[in-house]
């Protein structure tokens, strides 16, 4: 929303990967998981 309001062209998927799928998710799951896999 901020990027659009500033007139820029955002790419939410880049931040979803860094901050959510490989960010917040890492912190939420049990530390015993050695790897996190995705369909990328």
ModelCIF file with pLDDT and N, C-alpha, C, O atoms, coordinates in Angstrom:
data_MODEL
#
_entry.id   MODEL 
#
_entity.id                         1 
_entity.type                       polymer 
_entity.pdbx_number_of_molecules   1 
#
_entity_poly.entity_id                      1 
_entity_poly.type                           'polypeptide(L)' 
_entity_poly.nstd_linkage                   no 
_entity_poly.nstd_monomer                   no 
_entity_poly.pdbx_seq_one_letter_code       
;(UNK)(UNK)(UNK)(UNK)(UNK)(UNK)(UNK)(UNK)(UNK)(UNK)(UNK)(UNK)(UNK)(UNK)(UNK)(UNK)
(UNK)(UNK)(UNK)(UNK)(UNK)(UNK)(UNK)(UNK)(UNK)(UNK)(UNK)(UNK)(UNK)(UNK)(UNK)(UNK)
(UNK)(UNK)(UNK)(UNK)(UNK)(UNK)(UNK)(UNK)
;
_entity_poly.pdbx_seq_one_letter_code_can   XXXXXXXXXXXXXXXXXXXXXXXXXXXXXXXXXXXXXXXX 
_entity_poly.pdbx_strand_id                 A 
#
loop_
_entity_poly_seq.entity_id 
_entity_poly_seq.num 
_entity_poly_seq.mon_id 
_entity_poly_seq.hetero 
1 1  UNK n 
1 2  UNK n 
1 3  UNK n 
1 4  UNK n 
1 5  UNK n 
1 6  UNK n 
1 7  UNK n 
1 8  UNK n 
1 9  UNK n 
1 10 UNK n 
1 11 UNK n 
1 12 UNK n 
1 13 UNK n 
1 14 UNK n 
1 15 UNK n 
1 16 UNK n 
1 17 UNK n 
1 18 UNK n 
1 19 UNK n 
1 20 UNK n 
1 21 UNK n 
1 22 UNK n 
1 23 UNK n 
1 24 UNK n 
1 25 UNK n 
1 26 UNK n 
1 27 UNK n 
1 28 UNK n 
1 29 UNK n 
1 30 UNK n 
1 31 UNK n 
1 32 UNK n 
1 33 UNK n 
1 34 UNK n 
1 35 UNK n 
1 36 UNK n 
1 37 UNK n 
1 38 UNK n 
1 39 UNK n 
1 40 UNK n 
#
_struct_asym.id          A 
_struct_asym.entity_id   1 
#
loop_
_ma_qa_metric.id 
_ma_qa_metric.mode 
_ma_qa_metric.name 
_ma_qa_metric.software_group_id 
_ma_qa_metric.type 
1 global pLDDT . pLDDT 
2 local  pLDDT . pLDDT 
#
_ma_qa_metric_global.metric_id      1 
_ma_qa_metric_global.metric_value   90.12 
_ma_qa_metric_global.model_id       1 
_ma_qa_metric_global.ordinal_id     1 
#
loop_
_ma_qa_metric_local.label_asym_id 
_ma_qa_metric_local.label_comp_id 
_ma_qa_metric_local.label_seq_id 
_ma_qa_metric_local.metric_id 
_ma_qa_metric_local.metric_value 
_ma_qa_metric_local.model_id 
_ma_qa_metric_local.ordinal_id 
A UNK 1  2 88.00 1 1  
A UNK 2  2 89.00 1 2  
A UNK 3  2 87.00 1 3  
A UNK 4  2 87.00 1 4  
A UNK 5  2 89.00 1 5  
A UNK 6  2 86.00 1 6  
A UNK 7  2 84.00 1 7  
A UNK 8  2 82.00 1 8  
A UNK 9  2 79.00 1 9  
A UNK 10 2 81.00 1 10 
A UNK 11 2 83.00 1 11 
A UNK 12 2 84.00 1 12 
A UNK 13 2 86.00 1 13 
A UNK 14 2 90.00 1 14 
A UNK 15 2 85.00 1 15 
A UNK 16 2 88.00 1 16 
A UNK 17 2 91.00 1 17 
A UNK 18 2 91.00 1 18 
A UNK 19 2 91.00 1 19 
A UNK 20 2 91.00 1 20 
A UNK 21 2 93.00 1 21 
A UNK 22 2 94.00 1 22 
A UNK 23 2 92.00 1 23 
A UNK 24 2 92.00 1 24 
A UNK 25 2 94.00 1 25 
A UNK 26 2 92.00 1 26 
A UNK 27 2 92.00 1 27 
A UNK 28 2 93.00 1 28 
A UNK 29 2 93.00 1 29 
A UNK 30 2 88.00 1 30 
A UNK 31 2 89.00 1 31 
A UNK 32 2 93.00 1 32 
A UNK 33 2 95.00 1 33 
A UNK 34 2 95.00 1 34 
A UNK 35 2 96.00 1 35 
A UNK 36 2 97.00 1 36 
A UNK 37 2 97.00 1 37 
A UNK 38 2 96.00 1 38 
A UNK 39 2 96.00 1 39 
A UNK 40 2 96.00 1 40 
#
loop_
_atom_site.group_PDB 
_atom_site.id 
_atom_site.type_symbol 
_atom_site.label_atom_id 
_atom_site.label_alt_id 
_atom_site.label_comp_id 
_atom_site.label_asym_id 
_atom_site.label_entity_id 
_atom_site.label_seq_id 
_atom_site.pdbx_PDB_ins_code 
_atom_site.Cartn_x 
_atom_site.Cartn_y 
_atom_site.Cartn_z 
_atom_site.occupancy 
_atom_site.B_iso_or_equiv 
_atom_site.pdbx_formal_charge 
_atom_site.auth_seq_id 
_atom_site.auth_comp_id 
_atom_site.auth_asym_id 
_atom_site.auth_atom_id 
_atom_site.pdbx_PDB_model_num 
ATOM 1   N N  . UNK A 1 1  ? 0.829  -1.201  0.000  1.00 88.00 ? 1  UNK A N  1 
ATOM 2   C CA . UNK A 1 1  ? 0.000  0.000   0.000  1.00 88.00 ? 1  UNK A CA 1 
ATOM 3   C C  . UNK A 1 1  ? 0.870  1.260   0.000  1.00 88.00 ? 1  UNK A C  1 
ATOM 4   O O  . UNK A 1 1  ? 0.589  2.213   -0.728 1.00 88.00 ? 1  UNK A O  1 
ATOM 5   N N  . UNK A 1 2  ? 1.926  1.261   0.820  1.00 89.00 ? 2  UNK A N  1 
ATOM 6   C CA . UNK A 1 2  ? 2.819  2.417   0.905  1.00 89.00 ? 2  UNK A CA 1 
ATOM 7   C C  . UNK A 1 2  ? 3.497  2.695   -0.427 1.00 89.00 ? 2  UNK A C  1 
ATOM 8   O O  . UNK A 1 2  ? 3.559  3.843   -0.866 1.00 89.00 ? 2  UNK A O  1 
ATOM 9   N N  . UNK A 1 3  ? 4.008  1.647   -1.074 1.00 87.00 ? 3  UNK A N  1 
ATOM 10  C CA . UNK A 1 3  ? 4.684  1.818   -2.360 1.00 87.00 ? 3  UNK A CA 1 
ATOM 11  C C  . UNK A 1 3  ? 3.731  2.370   -3.420 1.00 87.00 ? 3  UNK A C  1 
ATOM 12  O O  . UNK A 1 3  ? 4.093  3.268   -4.181 1.00 87.00 ? 3  UNK A O  1 
ATOM 13  N N  . UNK A 1 4  ? 2.524  1.834   -3.465 1.00 87.00 ? 4  UNK A N  1 
ATOM 14  C CA . UNK A 1 4  ? 1.535  2.300   -4.440 1.00 87.00 ? 4  UNK A CA 1 
ATOM 15  C C  . UNK A 1 4  ? 1.194  3.767   -4.193 1.00 87.00 ? 4  UNK A C  1 
ATOM 16  O O  . UNK A 1 4  ? 1.089  4.556   -5.133 1.00 87.00 ? 4  UNK A O  1 
ATOM 17  N N  . UNK A 1 5  ? 1.022  4.125   -2.924 1.00 89.00 ? 5  UNK A N  1 
ATOM 18  C CA . UNK A 1 5  ? 0.677  5.508   -2.590 1.00 89.00 ? 5  UNK A CA 1 
ATOM 19  C C  . UNK A 1 5  ? 1.792  6.470   -2.978 1.00 89.00 ? 5  UNK A C  1 
ATOM 20  O O  . UNK A 1 5  ? 1.523  7.621   -3.322 1.00 89.00 ? 5  UNK A O  1 
ATOM 21  N N  . UNK A 1 6  ? 3.037  6.012   -2.926 1.00 86.00 ? 6  UNK A N  1 
ATOM 22  C CA . UNK A 1 6  ? 4.176  6.841   -3.301 1.00 86.00 ? 6  UNK A CA 1 
ATOM 23  C C  . UNK A 1 6  ? 4.409  6.863   -4.806 1.00 86.00 ? 6  UNK A C  1 
ATOM 24  O O  . UNK A 1 6  ? 5.336  7.517   -5.285 1.00 86.00 ? 6  UNK A O  1 
ATOM 25  N N  . UNK A 1 7  ? 3.572  6.148   -5.551 1.00 84.00 ? 7  UNK A N  1 
ATOM 26  C CA . UNK A 1 7  ? 3.684  6.156   -6.999 1.00 84.00 ? 7  UNK A CA 1 
ATOM 27  C C  . UNK A 1 7  ? 4.674  5.157   -7.547 1.00 84.00 ? 7  UNK A C  1 
ATOM 28  O O  . UNK A 1 7  ? 5.026  5.209   -8.725 1.00 84.00 ? 7  UNK A O  1 
ATOM 29  N N  . UNK A 1 8  ? 5.132  4.234   -6.693 1.00 82.00 ? 8  UNK A N  1 
ATOM 30  C CA . UNK A 1 8  ? 6.101  3.241   -7.140 1.00 82.00 ? 8  UNK A CA 1 
ATOM 31  C C  . UNK A 1 8  ? 5.399  1.924   -7.490 1.00 82.00 ? 8  UNK A C  1 
ATOM 32  O O  . UNK A 1 8  ? 4.202  1.762   -7.254 1.00 82.00 ? 8  UNK A O  1 
ATOM 33  N N  . UNK A 1 9  ? 6.167  0.990   -8.055 1.00 79.00 ? 9  UNK A N  1 
ATOM 34  C CA . UNK A 1 9  ? 5.636  -0.301  -8.486 1.00 79.00 ? 9  UNK A CA 1 
ATOM 35  C C  . UNK A 1 9  ? 6.142  -1.384  -7.553 1.00 79.00 ? 9  UNK A C  1 
ATOM 36  O O  . UNK A 1 9  ? 7.297  -1.792  -7.676 1.00 79.00 ? 9  UNK A O  1 
ATOM 37  N N  . UNK A 1 10 ? 5.329  -1.866  -6.626 1.00 81.00 ? 10 UNK A N  1 
ATOM 38  C CA . UNK A 1 10 ? 5.809  -2.838  -5.634 1.00 81.00 ? 10 UNK A CA 1 
ATOM 39  C C  . UNK A 1 10 ? 5.846  -4.254  -6.179 1.00 81.00 ? 10 UNK A C  1 
ATOM 40  O O  . UNK A 1 10 ? 5.249  -4.549  -7.214 1.00 81.00 ? 10 UNK A O  1 
ATOM 41  N N  . UNK A 1 11 ? 6.550  -5.126  -5.474 1.00 83.00 ? 11 UNK A N  1 
ATOM 42  C CA . UNK A 1 11 ? 6.541  -6.561  -5.770 1.00 83.00 ? 11 UNK A CA 1 
ATOM 43  C C  . UNK A 1 11 ? 6.399  -7.302  -4.444 1.00 83.00 ? 11 UNK A C  1 
ATOM 44  O O  . UNK A 1 11 ? 7.402  -7.665  -3.830 1.00 83.00 ? 11 UNK A O  1 
ATOM 45  N N  . UNK A 1 12 ? 5.167  -7.531  -3.997 1.00 84.00 ? 12 UNK A N  1 
ATOM 46  C CA . UNK A 1 12 ? 4.945  -8.136  -2.682 1.00 84.00 ? 12 UNK A CA 1 
ATOM 47  C C  . UNK A 1 12 ? 5.575  -9.514  -2.522 1.00 84.00 ? 12 UNK A C  1 
ATOM 48  O O  . UNK A 1 12 ? 5.949  -9.891  -1.411 1.00 84.00 ? 12 UNK A O  1 
ATOM 49  N N  . UNK A 1 13 ? 5.702  -10.283 -3.622 1.00 86.00 ? 13 UNK A N  1 
ATOM 50  C CA . UNK A 1 13 ? 6.216  -11.649 -3.496 1.00 86.00 ? 13 UNK A CA 1 
ATOM 51  C C  . UNK A 1 13 ? 7.652  -11.682 -2.991 1.00 86.00 ? 13 UNK A C  1 
ATOM 52  O O  . UNK A 1 13 ? 8.034  -12.619 -2.290 1.00 86.00 ? 13 UNK A O  1 
ATOM 53  N N  . UNK A 1 14 ? 8.461  -10.669 -3.335 1.00 90.00 ? 14 UNK A N  1 
ATOM 54  C CA . UNK A 1 14 ? 9.841  -10.623 -2.866 1.00 90.00 ? 14 UNK A CA 1 
ATOM 55  C C  . UNK A 1 14 ? 9.875  -10.529 -1.344 1.00 90.00 ? 14 UNK A C  1 
ATOM 56  O O  . UNK A 1 14 ? 10.653 -11.228 -0.694 1.00 90.00 ? 14 UNK A O  1 
ATOM 57  N N  . UNK A 1 15 ? 9.036  -9.667  -0.776 1.00 85.00 ? 15 UNK A N  1 
ATOM 58  C CA . UNK A 1 15 ? 9.020  -9.495  0.673  1.00 85.00 ? 15 UNK A CA 1 
ATOM 59  C C  . UNK A 1 15 ? 8.299  -10.641 1.368  1.00 85.00 ? 15 UNK A C  1 
ATOM 60  O O  . UNK A 1 15 ? 8.604  -10.962 2.517  1.00 85.00 ? 15 UNK A O  1 
ATOM 61  N N  . UNK A 1 16 ? 7.347  -11.260 0.679  1.00 88.00 ? 16 UNK A N  1 
ATOM 62  C CA . UNK A 1 16 ? 6.685  -12.424 1.257  1.00 88.00 ? 16 UNK A CA 1 
ATOM 63  C C  . UNK A 1 16 ? 7.702  -13.536 1.491  1.00 88.00 ? 16 UNK A C  1 
ATOM 64  O O  . UNK A 1 16 ? 7.672  -14.197 2.529  1.00 88.00 ? 16 UNK A O  1 
ATOM 65  N N  . UNK A 1 17 ? 8.598  -13.745 0.537  1.00 91.00 ? 17 UNK A N  1 
ATOM 66  C CA . UNK A 1 17 ? 9.610  -14.793 0.685  1.00 91.00 ? 17 UNK A CA 1 
ATOM 67  C C  . UNK A 1 17 ? 10.595 -14.467 1.793  1.00 91.00 ? 17 UNK A C  1 
ATOM 68  O O  . UNK A 1 17 ? 10.885 -15.320 2.632  1.00 91.00 ? 17 UNK A O  1 
ATOM 69  N N  . UNK A 1 18 ? 11.113 -13.249 1.808  1.00 91.00 ? 18 UNK A N  1 
ATOM 70  C CA . UNK A 1 18 ? 12.133 -12.886 2.798  1.00 91.00 ? 18 UNK A CA 1 
ATOM 71  C C  . UNK A 1 18 ? 11.562 -12.785 4.209  1.00 91.00 ? 18 UNK A C  1 
ATOM 72  O O  . UNK A 1 18 ? 12.164 -13.276 5.164  1.00 91.00 ? 18 UNK A O  1 
ATOM 73  N N  . UNK A 1 19 ? 10.403 -12.149 4.338  1.00 91.00 ? 19 UNK A N  1 
ATOM 74  C CA . UNK A 1 19 ? 9.887  -11.816 5.665  1.00 91.00 ? 19 UNK A CA 1 
ATOM 75  C C  . UNK A 1 19 ? 8.884  -12.819 6.227  1.00 91.00 ? 19 UNK A C  1 
ATOM 76  O O  . UNK A 1 19 ? 8.722  -12.914 7.443  1.00 91.00 ? 19 UNK A O  1 
ATOM 77  N N  . UNK A 1 20 ? 8.206  -13.570 5.351  1.00 91.00 ? 20 UNK A N  1 
ATOM 78  C CA . UNK A 1 20 ? 7.178  -14.494 5.819  1.00 91.00 ? 20 UNK A CA 1 
ATOM 79  C C  . UNK A 1 20 ? 7.598  -15.943 5.637  1.00 91.00 ? 20 UNK A C  1 
ATOM 80  O O  . UNK A 1 20 ? 7.840  -16.637 6.624  1.00 91.00 ? 20 UNK A O  1 
ATOM 81  N N  . UNK A 1 21 ? 7.691  -16.419 4.401  1.00 93.00 ? 21 UNK A N  1 
ATOM 82  C CA . UNK A 1 21 ? 7.946  -17.847 4.162  1.00 93.00 ? 21 UNK A CA 1 
ATOM 83  C C  . UNK A 1 21 ? 9.291  -18.309 4.706  1.00 93.00 ? 21 UNK A C  1 
ATOM 84  O O  . UNK A 1 21 ? 9.400  -19.411 5.244  1.00 93.00 ? 21 UNK A O  1 
ATOM 85  N N  . UNK A 1 22 ? 10.311 -17.475 4.568  1.00 94.00 ? 22 UNK A N  1 
ATOM 86  C CA . UNK A 1 22 ? 11.630 -17.838 5.082  1.00 94.00 ? 22 UNK A CA 1 
ATOM 87  C C  . UNK A 1 22 ? 12.056 -16.904 6.219  1.00 94.00 ? 22 UNK A C  1 
ATOM 88  O O  . UNK A 1 22 ? 13.232 -16.841 6.579  1.00 94.00 ? 22 UNK A O  1 
ATOM 89  N N  . UNK A 1 23 ? 11.077 -16.180 6.778  1.00 92.00 ? 23 UNK A N  1 
ATOM 90  C CA . UNK A 1 23 ? 11.333 -15.268 7.885  1.00 92.00 ? 23 UNK A CA 1 
ATOM 91  C C  . UNK A 1 23 ? 10.511 -15.633 9.106  1.00 92.00 ? 23 UNK A C  1 
ATOM 92  O O  . UNK A 1 23 ? 10.970 -16.380 9.970  1.00 92.00 ? 23 UNK A O  1 
ATOM 93  N N  . UNK A 1 24 ? 9.294  -15.107 9.179  1.00 92.00 ? 24 UNK A N  1 
ATOM 94  C CA . UNK A 1 24 ? 8.424  -15.385 10.322 1.00 92.00 ? 24 UNK A CA 1 
ATOM 95  C C  . UNK A 1 24 ? 8.161  -16.887 10.483 1.00 92.00 ? 24 UNK A C  1 
ATOM 96  O O  . UNK A 1 24 ? 8.084  -17.392 11.603 1.00 92.00 ? 24 UNK A O  1 
ATOM 97  N N  . UNK A 1 25 ? 8.027  -17.582 9.375  1.00 94.00 ? 25 UNK A N  1 
ATOM 98  C CA . UNK A 1 25 ? 7.781  -19.020 9.445  1.00 94.00 ? 25 UNK A CA 1 
ATOM 99  C C  . UNK A 1 25 ? 8.941  -19.752 10.130 1.00 94.00 ? 25 UNK A C  1 
ATOM 100 O O  . UNK A 1 25 ? 8.715  -20.654 10.938 1.00 94.00 ? 25 UNK A O  1 
ATOM 101 N N  . UNK A 1 26 ? 10.171 -19.369 9.811  1.00 92.00 ? 26 UNK A N  1 
ATOM 102 C CA . UNK A 1 26 ? 11.347 -19.961 10.460 1.00 92.00 ? 26 UNK A CA 1 
ATOM 103 C C  . UNK A 1 26 ? 11.259 -19.820 11.975 1.00 92.00 ? 26 UNK A C  1 
ATOM 104 O O  . UNK A 1 26 ? 11.616 -20.730 12.723 1.00 92.00 ? 26 UNK A O  1 
ATOM 105 N N  . UNK A 1 27 ? 10.777 -18.660 12.411 1.00 92.00 ? 27 UNK A N  1 
ATOM 106 C CA . UNK A 1 27 ? 10.741 -18.386 13.848 1.00 92.00 ? 27 UNK A CA 1 
ATOM 107 C C  . UNK A 1 27 ? 9.568  -19.068 14.554 1.00 92.00 ? 27 UNK A C  1 
ATOM 108 O O  . UNK A 1 27 ? 9.603  -19.268 15.768 1.00 92.00 ? 27 UNK A O  1 
ATOM 109 N N  . UNK A 1 28 ? 8.527  -19.426 13.790 1.00 93.00 ? 28 UNK A N  1 
ATOM 110 C CA . UNK A 1 28 ? 7.332  -20.011 14.387 1.00 93.00 ? 28 UNK A CA 1 
ATOM 111 C C  . UNK A 1 28 ? 7.457  -21.519 14.596 1.00 93.00 ? 28 UNK A C  1 
ATOM 112 O O  . UNK A 1 28 ? 6.919  -22.070 15.556 1.00 93.00 ? 28 UNK A O  1 
ATOM 113 N N  . UNK A 1 29 ? 8.175  -22.179 13.681 1.00 93.00 ? 29 UNK A N  1 
ATOM 114 C CA . UNK A 1 29 ? 8.201  -23.638 13.749 1.00 93.00 ? 29 UNK A CA 1 
ATOM 115 C C  . UNK A 1 29 ? 9.244  -24.137 14.747 1.00 93.00 ? 29 UNK A C  1 
ATOM 116 O O  . UNK A 1 29 ? 10.125 -23.396 15.182 1.00 93.00 ? 29 UNK A O  1 
ATOM 117 N N  . UNK A 1 30 ? 9.117  -25.398 15.087 1.00 88.00 ? 30 UNK A N  1 
ATOM 118 C CA . UNK A 1 30 ? 10.037 -26.039 16.027 1.00 88.00 ? 30 UNK A CA 1 
ATOM 119 C C  . UNK A 1 30 ? 11.465 -26.013 15.470 1.00 88.00 ? 30 UNK A C  1 
ATOM 120 O O  . UNK A 1 30 ? 11.676 -26.218 14.275 1.00 88.00 ? 30 UNK A O  1 
ATOM 121 N N  . UNK A 1 31 ? 12.418 -25.765 16.327 1.00 89.00 ? 31 UNK A N  1 
ATOM 122 C CA . UNK A 1 31 ? 13.828 -25.670 15.907 1.00 89.00 ? 31 UNK A CA 1 
ATOM 123 C C  . UNK A 1 31 ? 14.385 -27.019 15.443 1.00 89.00 ? 31 UNK A C  1 
ATOM 124 O O  . UNK A 1 31 ? 15.470 -27.082 14.866 1.00 89.00 ? 31 UNK A O  1 
ATOM 125 N N  . UNK A 1 32 ? 13.640 -28.093 15.696 1.00 93.00 ? 32 UNK A N  1 
ATOM 126 C CA . UNK A 1 32 ? 14.127 -29.404 15.278 1.00 93.00 ? 32 UNK A CA 1 
ATOM 127 C C  . UNK A 1 32 ? 14.044 -29.613 13.766 1.00 93.00 ? 32 UNK A C  1 
ATOM 128 O O  . UNK A 1 32 ? 14.651 -30.542 13.233 1.00 93.00 ? 32 UNK A O  1 
ATOM 129 N N  . UNK A 1 33 ? 13.298 -28.754 13.078 1.00 95.00 ? 33 UNK A N  1 
ATOM 130 C CA . UNK A 1 33 ? 13.243 -28.853 11.622 1.00 95.00 ? 33 UNK A CA 1 
ATOM 131 C C  . UNK A 1 33 ? 14.562 -28.331 11.045 1.00 95.00 ? 33 UNK A C  1 
ATOM 132 O O  . UNK A 1 33 ? 14.911 -27.162 11.212 1.00 95.00 ? 33 UNK A O  1 
ATOM 133 N N  . UNK A 1 34 ? 15.280 -29.218 10.366 1.00 95.00 ? 34 UNK A N  1 
ATOM 134 C CA . UNK A 1 34 ? 16.589 -28.849 9.827  1.00 95.00 ? 34 UNK A CA 1 
ATOM 135 C C  . UNK A 1 34 ? 16.466 -28.010 8.566  1.00 95.00 ? 34 UNK A C  1 
ATOM 136 O O  . UNK A 1 34 ? 17.303 -27.146 8.304  1.00 95.00 ? 34 UNK A O  1 
ATOM 137 N N  . UNK A 1 35 ? 15.425 -28.263 7.786  1.00 96.00 ? 35 UNK A N  1 
ATOM 138 C CA . UNK A 1 35 ? 15.249 -27.553 6.524  1.00 96.00 ? 35 UNK A CA 1 
ATOM 139 C C  . UNK A 1 35 ? 13.800 -27.126 6.351  1.00 96.00 ? 35 UNK A C  1 
ATOM 140 O O  . UNK A 1 35 ? 12.879 -27.724 6.909  1.00 96.00 ? 35 UNK A O  1 
ATOM 141 N N  . UNK A 1 36 ? 13.625 -26.061 5.549  1.00 97.00 ? 36 UNK A N  1 
ATOM 142 C CA . UNK A 1 36 ? 12.300 -25.612 5.126  1.00 97.00 ? 36 UNK A CA 1 
ATOM 143 C C  . UNK A 1 36 ? 12.251 -25.715 3.610  1.00 97.00 ? 36 UNK A C  1 
ATOM 144 O O  . UNK A 1 36 ? 13.072 -25.119 2.914  1.00 97.00 ? 36 UNK A O  1 
ATOM 145 N N  . UNK A 1 37 ? 11.287 -26.473 3.102  1.00 97.00 ? 37 UNK A N  1 
ATOM 146 C CA . UNK A 1 37 ? 11.187 -26.717 1.669  1.00 97.00 ? 37 UNK A CA 1 
ATOM 147 C C  . UNK A 1 37 ? 9.967  -26.003 1.089  1.00 97.00 ? 37 UNK A C  1 
ATOM 148 O O  . UNK A 1 37 ? 8.951  -25.832 1.763  1.00 97.00 ? 37 UNK A O  1 
ATOM 149 N N  . UNK A 1 38 ? 10.087 -25.592 -0.169 1.00 96.00 ? 38 UNK A N  1 
ATOM 150 C CA . UNK A 1 38 ? 8.978  -24.961 -0.873 1.00 96.00 ? 38 UNK A CA 1 
ATOM 151 C C  . UNK A 1 38 ? 8.983  -25.424 -2.323 1.00 96.00 ? 38 UNK A C  1 
ATOM 152 O O  . UNK A 1 38 ? 9.902  -26.115 -2.763 1.00 96.00 ? 38 UNK A O  1 
ATOM 153 N N  . UNK A 1 39 ? 7.949  -25.037 -3.058 1.00 96.00 ? 39 UNK A N  1 
ATOM 154 C CA . UNK A 1 39 ? 7.820  -25.420 -4.459 1.00 96.00 ? 39 UNK A CA 1 
ATOM 155 C C  . UNK A 1 39 ? 8.365  -24.397 -5.417 1.00 96.00 ? 39 UNK A C  1 
ATOM 156 O O  . UNK A 1 39 ? 7.839  -24.247 -6.520 1.00 96.00 ? 39 UNK A O  1 
ATOM 157 N N  . UNK A 1 40 ? 9.418  -23.680 -5.025 1.00 96.00 ? 40 UNK A N  1 
ATOM 158 C CA . UNK A 1 40 ? 10.025 -22.691 -5.915 1.00 96.00 ? 40 UNK A CA 1 
ATOM 159 C C  . UNK A 1 40 ? 10.922 -23.363 -6.957 1.00 96.00 ? 40 UNK A C  1 
ATOM 160 O O  . UNK A 1 40 ? 11.516 -22.681 -7.792 1.00 96.00 ? 40 UNK A O  1 
#
